[in-house]
Every structure is written in structure tokens, then in C-alpha cells.
Amino acid sequence: MTQRLNFFQQSPELSKKLIEFGALFQKTTIETNIRELVEIRASQLNGCAFCVDMHIKQAKIHGERELRLHHVAIWRESTLFVPRERAALAWTEAVTHLGAQGVPDEIYERVLTQYSEKELSDLTFLIGSINAWNRLNVAFRMVPGSSDKAFGLDKAGLE
């Protein structure tokens, strides 16, 4: 894969704002491990190799178990995820792949059993953010692993 263009160089102010927006998620109500699962799952759904690679490495650095990382794609069948994580993954899929009727009431009601309204709002902003990154990285063919040193992802021990 060859990168098409460097959107950081072409649109530095917009890129900086998206990075700043992403940094705000450290201060939200959503736990780190759930943020990482959401970022991985949305990136899988969107076919964003760069982000799947990045977020798996970040999750590994933060102590996530490798088997759980392999199971994100099959989370419905896996026994490795607790109800709160399952709700976040279901919401991620519903918001990432919006159907003609939007997000079904049944999913919304189910997710509200695990998240407060504030948490659900924060979670939805997170999903919107990763979807924006996915679209940029897919459109411009960012090469997986190409920014590992810059982001400290070489510490993940995955090669």
C-alpha cells in the first residue's frame, strides 16, 4: 500500500483540531479499555488498517490481553466481554453502520442499561471521532505501522 497524500501536512490546522478533540476523550466518563475496544471495532468495520493496527498496539501497551484483542471481531460469540463492553460494541456497530432508520430503539434501550445519558453521549462522540479518523486514513491510504515511533507504539512489542 502506498500513501496517497499526507493530510497532516496538507491540512495542518484541521488535523491539529482533530488531534485536540481526540485528546479530550482521556477526560470523559468512558474507561480506557472500552475506548480502545470501540476504536478497534469501528476501525475493523470501516476497513481502516492503519487504525486497527494503531489501536491494537495502544490497547496492548495499556495491558489488554491478546486473546480479547483477537475476539473483538467476534465479540457476540466470545465470552471474554462483560455487559458494559458488549453494550459499547453494539452501540459502535449501530452508530458506525447507520441503517435507513438510524439507530434502532432496541439497541438504544439496551445500551442505556449499561450507560448513563452522559456516558452514552461521550461514547457517541468517541465513535464519531474514530469514524472521522477512519475515513481520512482509508481515503489517503495511511500505511499501518508507519507512525509507530512517532506515537510510541513500538513499545507494544508487536511486529
C-alpha atoms as a PDB file:
ATOM      1  CA  MET A   1       0.000   0.000   0.000  1.00  0.00           C
ATOM      2  CA  THR A   2       1.266   3.453  -0.871  1.00  0.00           C
ATOM      3  CA  GLN A   3       0.043   6.539   0.924  1.00  0.00           C
ATOM      4  CA  ARG A   4      -1.812   8.930  -1.379  1.00  0.00           C
ATOM      5  CA  LEU A   5      -1.103  12.173   0.469  1.00  0.00           C
ATOM      6  CA  ASN A   6      -0.228  13.378   3.939  1.00  0.00           C
ATOM      7  CA  PHE A   7      -3.343  15.103   5.248  1.00  0.00           C
ATOM      8  CA  PHE A   8      -1.422  16.321   8.314  1.00  0.00           C
ATOM      9  CA  GLN A   9       0.797  18.376   6.005  1.00  0.00           C
ATOM     10  CA  GLN A  10      -1.975  19.435   3.641  1.00  0.00           C
ATOM     11  CA  SER A  11      -4.467  20.463   6.348  1.00  0.00           C
ATOM     12  CA  PRO A  12      -2.393  21.110   9.472  1.00  0.00           C
ATOM     13  CA  GLU A  13      -4.946  23.256  11.317  1.00  0.00           C
ATOM     14  CA  LEU A  14      -7.772  20.773  10.775  1.00  0.00           C
ATOM     15  CA  SER A  15      -5.521  17.851  11.720  1.00  0.00           C
ATOM     16  CA  LYS A  16      -4.447  19.652  14.893  1.00  0.00           C
ATOM     17  CA  LYS A  17      -8.081  20.270  15.900  1.00  0.00           C
ATOM     18  CA  LEU A  18      -8.989  16.614  15.340  1.00  0.00           C
ATOM     19  CA  ILE A  19      -5.997  15.576  17.487  1.00  0.00           C
ATOM     20  CA  GLU A  20      -7.077  18.029  20.208  1.00  0.00           C
ATOM     21  CA  PHE A  21     -10.628  16.670  20.033  1.00  0.00           C
ATOM     22  CA  GLY A  22      -9.275  13.133  20.408  1.00  0.00           C
ATOM     23  CA  ALA A  23      -7.253  14.122  23.461  1.00  0.00           C
ATOM     24  CA  LEU A  24     -10.456  15.192  25.227  1.00  0.00           C
ATOM     25  CA  PHE A  25     -11.562  11.558  25.461  1.00  0.00           C
ATOM     26  CA  GLN A  26      -8.961  10.998  28.181  1.00  0.00           C
ATOM     27  CA  LYS A  27     -11.178  13.188  30.394  1.00  0.00           C
ATOM     28  CA  THR A  28     -14.539  11.581  29.593  1.00  0.00           C
ATOM     29  CA  THR A  29     -16.591   9.062  31.526  1.00  0.00           C
ATOM     30  CA  ILE A  30     -15.582   6.210  29.206  1.00  0.00           C
ATOM     31  CA  GLU A  31     -12.929   3.853  30.545  1.00  0.00           C
ATOM     32  CA  THR A  32      -9.660   3.420  28.618  1.00  0.00           C
ATOM     33  CA  ASN A  33     -10.245  -0.246  27.817  1.00  0.00           C
ATOM     34  CA  ILE A  34     -13.715   0.469  26.429  1.00  0.00           C
ATOM     35  CA  ARG A  35     -12.420   3.397  24.375  1.00  0.00           C
ATOM     36  CA  GLU A  36      -9.829   1.095  22.849  1.00  0.00           C
ATOM     37  CA  LEU A  37     -12.338  -1.688  22.101  1.00  0.00           C
ATOM     38  CA  VAL A  38     -14.626   0.855  20.421  1.00  0.00           C
ATOM     39  CA  GLU A  39     -11.786   2.295  18.343  1.00  0.00           C
ATOM     40  CA  ILE A  40     -10.703  -1.171  17.239  1.00  0.00           C
ATOM     41  CA  ARG A  41     -14.235  -2.305  16.345  1.00  0.00           C
ATOM     42  CA  ALA A  42     -15.161   0.832  14.392  1.00  0.00           C
ATOM     43  CA  SER A  43     -11.847   0.623  12.541  1.00  0.00           C
ATOM     44  CA  GLN A  44     -12.500  -3.027  11.674  1.00  0.00           C
ATOM     45  CA  LEU A  45     -15.955  -2.162  10.356  1.00  0.00           C
ATOM     46  CA  ASN A  46     -14.557   0.687   8.273  1.00  0.00           C
ATOM     47  CA  GLY A  47     -11.645  -1.338   6.918  1.00  0.00           C
ATOM     48  CA  CYS A  48      -9.093   1.074   8.336  1.00  0.00           C
ATOM     49  CA  ALA A  49      -5.902  -0.972   8.564  1.00  0.00           C
ATOM     50  CA  PHE A  50      -3.915   1.968   9.943  1.00  0.00           C
ATOM     51  CA  CYS A  51      -6.312   2.473  12.871  1.00  0.00           C
ATOM     52  CA  VAL A  52      -6.803  -1.239  13.607  1.00  0.00           C
ATOM     53  CA  ASP A  53      -3.022  -1.569  13.815  1.00  0.00           C
ATOM     54  CA  MET A  54      -2.650   1.569  15.955  1.00  0.00           C
ATOM     55  CA  HIS A  55      -5.433   0.850  18.423  1.00  0.00           C
ATOM     56  CA  ILE A  56      -4.454  -2.784  18.940  1.00  0.00           C
ATOM     57  CA  LYS A  57      -0.936  -1.621  19.782  1.00  0.00           C
ATOM     58  CA  GLN A  58      -2.280   1.062  22.141  1.00  0.00           C
ATOM     59  CA  ALA A  59      -4.532  -1.475  23.867  1.00  0.00           C
ATOM     60  CA  LYS A  60      -1.606  -3.883  24.258  1.00  0.00           C
ATOM     61  CA  ILE A  61       0.523  -1.102  25.780  1.00  0.00           C
ATOM     62  CA  HIS A  62      -2.318  -0.393  28.241  1.00  0.00           C
ATOM     63  CA  GLY A  63      -2.382  -4.041  29.317  1.00  0.00           C
ATOM     64  CA  GLU A  64      -5.191  -5.510  27.221  1.00  0.00           C
ATOM     65  CA  ARG A  65      -4.998  -9.286  26.841  1.00  0.00           C
ATOM     66  CA  GLU A  66      -4.123 -10.512  23.355  1.00  0.00           C
ATOM     67  CA  LEU A  67      -6.961 -13.012  23.182  1.00  0.00           C
ATOM     68  CA  ARG A  68      -9.511 -10.269  23.842  1.00  0.00           C
ATOM     69  CA  LEU A  69      -7.954  -8.244  21.028  1.00  0.00           C
ATOM     70  CA  HIS A  70      -8.426 -11.198  18.685  1.00  0.00           C
ATOM     71  CA  HIS A  71     -12.014 -11.575  19.882  1.00  0.00           C
ATOM     72  CA  VAL A  72     -13.141  -8.007  19.167  1.00  0.00           C
ATOM     73  CA  ALA A  73     -14.230  -9.078  15.678  1.00  0.00           C
ATOM     74  CA  ILE A  74     -16.314 -11.914  17.177  1.00  0.00           C
ATOM     75  CA  TRP A  75     -17.451 -10.178  20.356  1.00  0.00           C
ATOM     76  CA  ARG A  76     -21.018 -11.513  20.143  1.00  0.00           C
ATOM     77  CA  GLU A  77     -19.825 -15.127  20.288  1.00  0.00           C
ATOM     78  CA  SER A  78     -16.992 -14.511  22.747  1.00  0.00           C
ATOM     79  CA  THR A  79     -17.316 -14.970  26.498  1.00  0.00           C
ATOM     80  CA  LEU A  80     -14.470 -12.524  27.158  1.00  0.00           C
ATOM     81  CA  PHE A  81     -16.507  -9.313  27.283  1.00  0.00           C
ATOM     82  CA  VAL A  82     -18.644  -8.018  30.147  1.00  0.00           C
ATOM     83  CA  PRO A  83     -22.109  -6.492  29.541  1.00  0.00           C
ATOM     84  CA  ARG A  84     -20.801  -2.898  29.591  1.00  0.00           C
ATOM     85  CA  GLU A  85     -18.235  -3.725  26.903  1.00  0.00           C
ATOM     86  CA  ARG A  86     -20.840  -5.605  24.851  1.00  0.00           C
ATOM     87  CA  ALA A  87     -23.153  -2.601  25.008  1.00  0.00           C
ATOM     88  CA  ALA A  88     -20.350  -0.302  23.820  1.00  0.00           C
ATOM     89  CA  LEU A  89     -19.524  -2.642  20.936  1.00  0.00           C
ATOM     90  CA  ALA A  90     -23.190  -2.939  19.911  1.00  0.00           C
ATOM     91  CA  TRP A  91     -23.565   0.858  20.019  1.00  0.00           C
ATOM     92  CA  THR A  92     -20.352   1.245  17.998  1.00  0.00           C
ATOM     93  CA  GLU A  93     -21.692  -1.005  15.271  1.00  0.00           C
ATOM     94  CA  ALA A  94     -25.095   0.711  15.194  1.00  0.00           C
ATOM     95  CA  VAL A  95     -23.618   4.224  15.029  1.00  0.00           C
ATOM     96  CA  THR A  96     -20.857   3.297  12.575  1.00  0.00           C
ATOM     97  CA  HIS A  97     -23.206   1.499  10.164  1.00  0.00           C
ATOM     98  CA  LEU A  98     -26.263   3.698  10.280  1.00  0.00           C
ATOM     99  CA  GLY A  99     -29.207   1.959   8.681  1.00  0.00           C
ATOM    100  CA  ALA A 100     -32.005   3.647   6.767  1.00  0.00           C
ATOM    101  CA  GLN A 101     -33.956   4.008  10.012  1.00  0.00           C
ATOM    102  CA  GLY A 102     -30.958   5.195  12.083  1.00  0.00           C
ATOM    103  CA  VAL A 103     -30.113   3.501  15.367  1.00  0.00           C
ATOM    104  CA  PRO A 104     -32.856   1.064  16.446  1.00  0.00           C
ATOM    105  CA  ASP A 105     -34.722   1.840  19.670  1.00  0.00           C
ATOM    106  CA  GLU A 106     -33.995  -1.666  20.946  1.00  0.00           C
ATOM    107  CA  ILE A 107     -30.227  -1.079  20.828  1.00  0.00           C
ATOM    108  CA  TYR A 108     -30.581   2.376  22.381  1.00  0.00           C
ATOM    109  CA  GLU A 109     -32.670   0.995  25.271  1.00  0.00           C
ATOM    110  CA  ARG A 110     -30.276  -1.917  25.812  1.00  0.00           C
ATOM    111  CA  VAL A 111     -27.233   0.372  25.885  1.00  0.00           C
ATOM    112  CA  LEU A 112     -28.937   2.668  28.418  1.00  0.00           C
ATOM    113  CA  THR A 113     -28.997  -0.260  30.865  1.00  0.00           C
ATOM    114  CA  GLN A 114     -25.183  -0.045  30.958  1.00  0.00           C
ATOM    115  CA  TYR A 115     -24.504   3.667  30.395  1.00  0.00           C
ATOM    116  CA  SER A 116     -25.873   6.881  31.812  1.00  0.00           C
ATOM    117  CA  GLU A 117     -27.052   9.510  29.336  1.00  0.00           C
ATOM    118  CA  LYS A 118     -23.791  11.441  29.867  1.00  0.00           C
ATOM    119  CA  GLU A 119     -21.734   8.303  29.265  1.00  0.00           C
ATOM    120  CA  LEU A 120     -23.725   7.454  26.150  1.00  0.00           C
ATOM    121  CA  SER A 121     -23.217  10.952  24.823  1.00  0.00           C
ATOM    122  CA  ASP A 122     -19.446  10.700  25.472  1.00  0.00           C
ATOM    123  CA  LEU A 123     -19.361   7.248  23.864  1.00  0.00           C
ATOM    124  CA  THR A 124     -21.155   8.530  20.774  1.00  0.00           C
ATOM    125  CA  PHE A 125     -18.709  11.421  20.385  1.00  0.00           C
ATOM    126  CA  LEU A 126     -15.875   8.865  20.611  1.00  0.00           C
ATOM    127  CA  ILE A 127     -17.468   6.772  17.866  1.00  0.00           C
ATOM    128  CA  GLY A 128     -17.879   9.874  15.697  1.00  0.00           C
ATOM    129  CA  SER A 129     -14.236  10.757  16.227  1.00  0.00           C
ATOM    130  CA  ILE A 130     -12.837   7.343  15.297  1.00  0.00           C
ATOM    131  CA  ASN A 131     -15.102   7.231  12.265  1.00  0.00           C
ATOM    132  CA  ALA A 132     -13.646  10.578  11.122  1.00  0.00           C
ATOM    133  CA  TRP A 133     -10.096   9.262  11.553  1.00  0.00           C
ATOM    134  CA  ASN A 134     -11.015   6.047   9.718  1.00  0.00           C
ATOM    135  CA  ARG A 135     -12.354   7.967   6.766  1.00  0.00           C
ATOM    136  CA  LEU A 136      -9.235  10.122   6.492  1.00  0.00           C
ATOM    137  CA  ASN A 137      -6.854   7.193   6.831  1.00  0.00           C
ATOM    138  CA  VAL A 138      -8.760   4.985   4.378  1.00  0.00           C
ATOM    139  CA  ALA A 139      -9.178   7.777   1.820  1.00  0.00           C
ATOM    140  CA  PHE A 140      -5.491   8.650   1.843  1.00  0.00           C
ATOM    141  CA  ARG A 141      -4.209   5.085   2.386  1.00  0.00           C
ATOM    142  CA  MET A 142      -2.205   5.630   5.532  1.00  0.00           C
ATOM    143  CA  VAL A 143       0.229   2.732   5.854  1.00  0.00           C
ATOM    144  CA  PRO A 144      -0.232   0.606   9.006  1.00  0.00           C
ATOM    145  CA  GLY A 145       2.711   0.965  11.372  1.00  0.00           C
ATOM    146  CA  SER A 146       4.145   3.973   9.537  1.00  0.00           C
ATOM    147  CA  SER A 147       3.784   6.219  12.596  1.00  0.00           C
ATOM    148  CA  ASP A 148       4.687   3.722  15.321  1.00  0.00           C
ATOM    149  CA  LYS A 149       7.778   5.561  16.531  1.00  0.00           C
ATOM    150  CA  ALA A 150       6.055   8.960  16.484  1.00  0.00           C
ATOM    151  CA  PHE A 151       3.156   7.627  18.587  1.00  0.00           C
ATOM    152  CA  GLY A 152       5.280   5.390  20.851  1.00  0.00           C
ATOM    153  CA  LEU A 153       3.569   2.278  19.514  1.00  0.00           C
ATOM    154  CA  ASP A 154       6.867   0.456  19.044  1.00  0.00           C
ATOM    155  CA  LYS A 155       6.625  -0.214  22.806  1.00  0.00           C
ATOM    156  CA  ALA A 156       3.741  -2.644  22.166  1.00  0.00           C
ATOM    157  CA  GLY A 157       6.185  -5.404  21.244  1.00  0.00           C
ATOM    158  CA  LEU A 158       4.090  -6.383  18.239  1.00  0.00           C
ATOM    159  CA  GLU A 159       5.760  -6.745  14.881  1.00  0.00           C
END
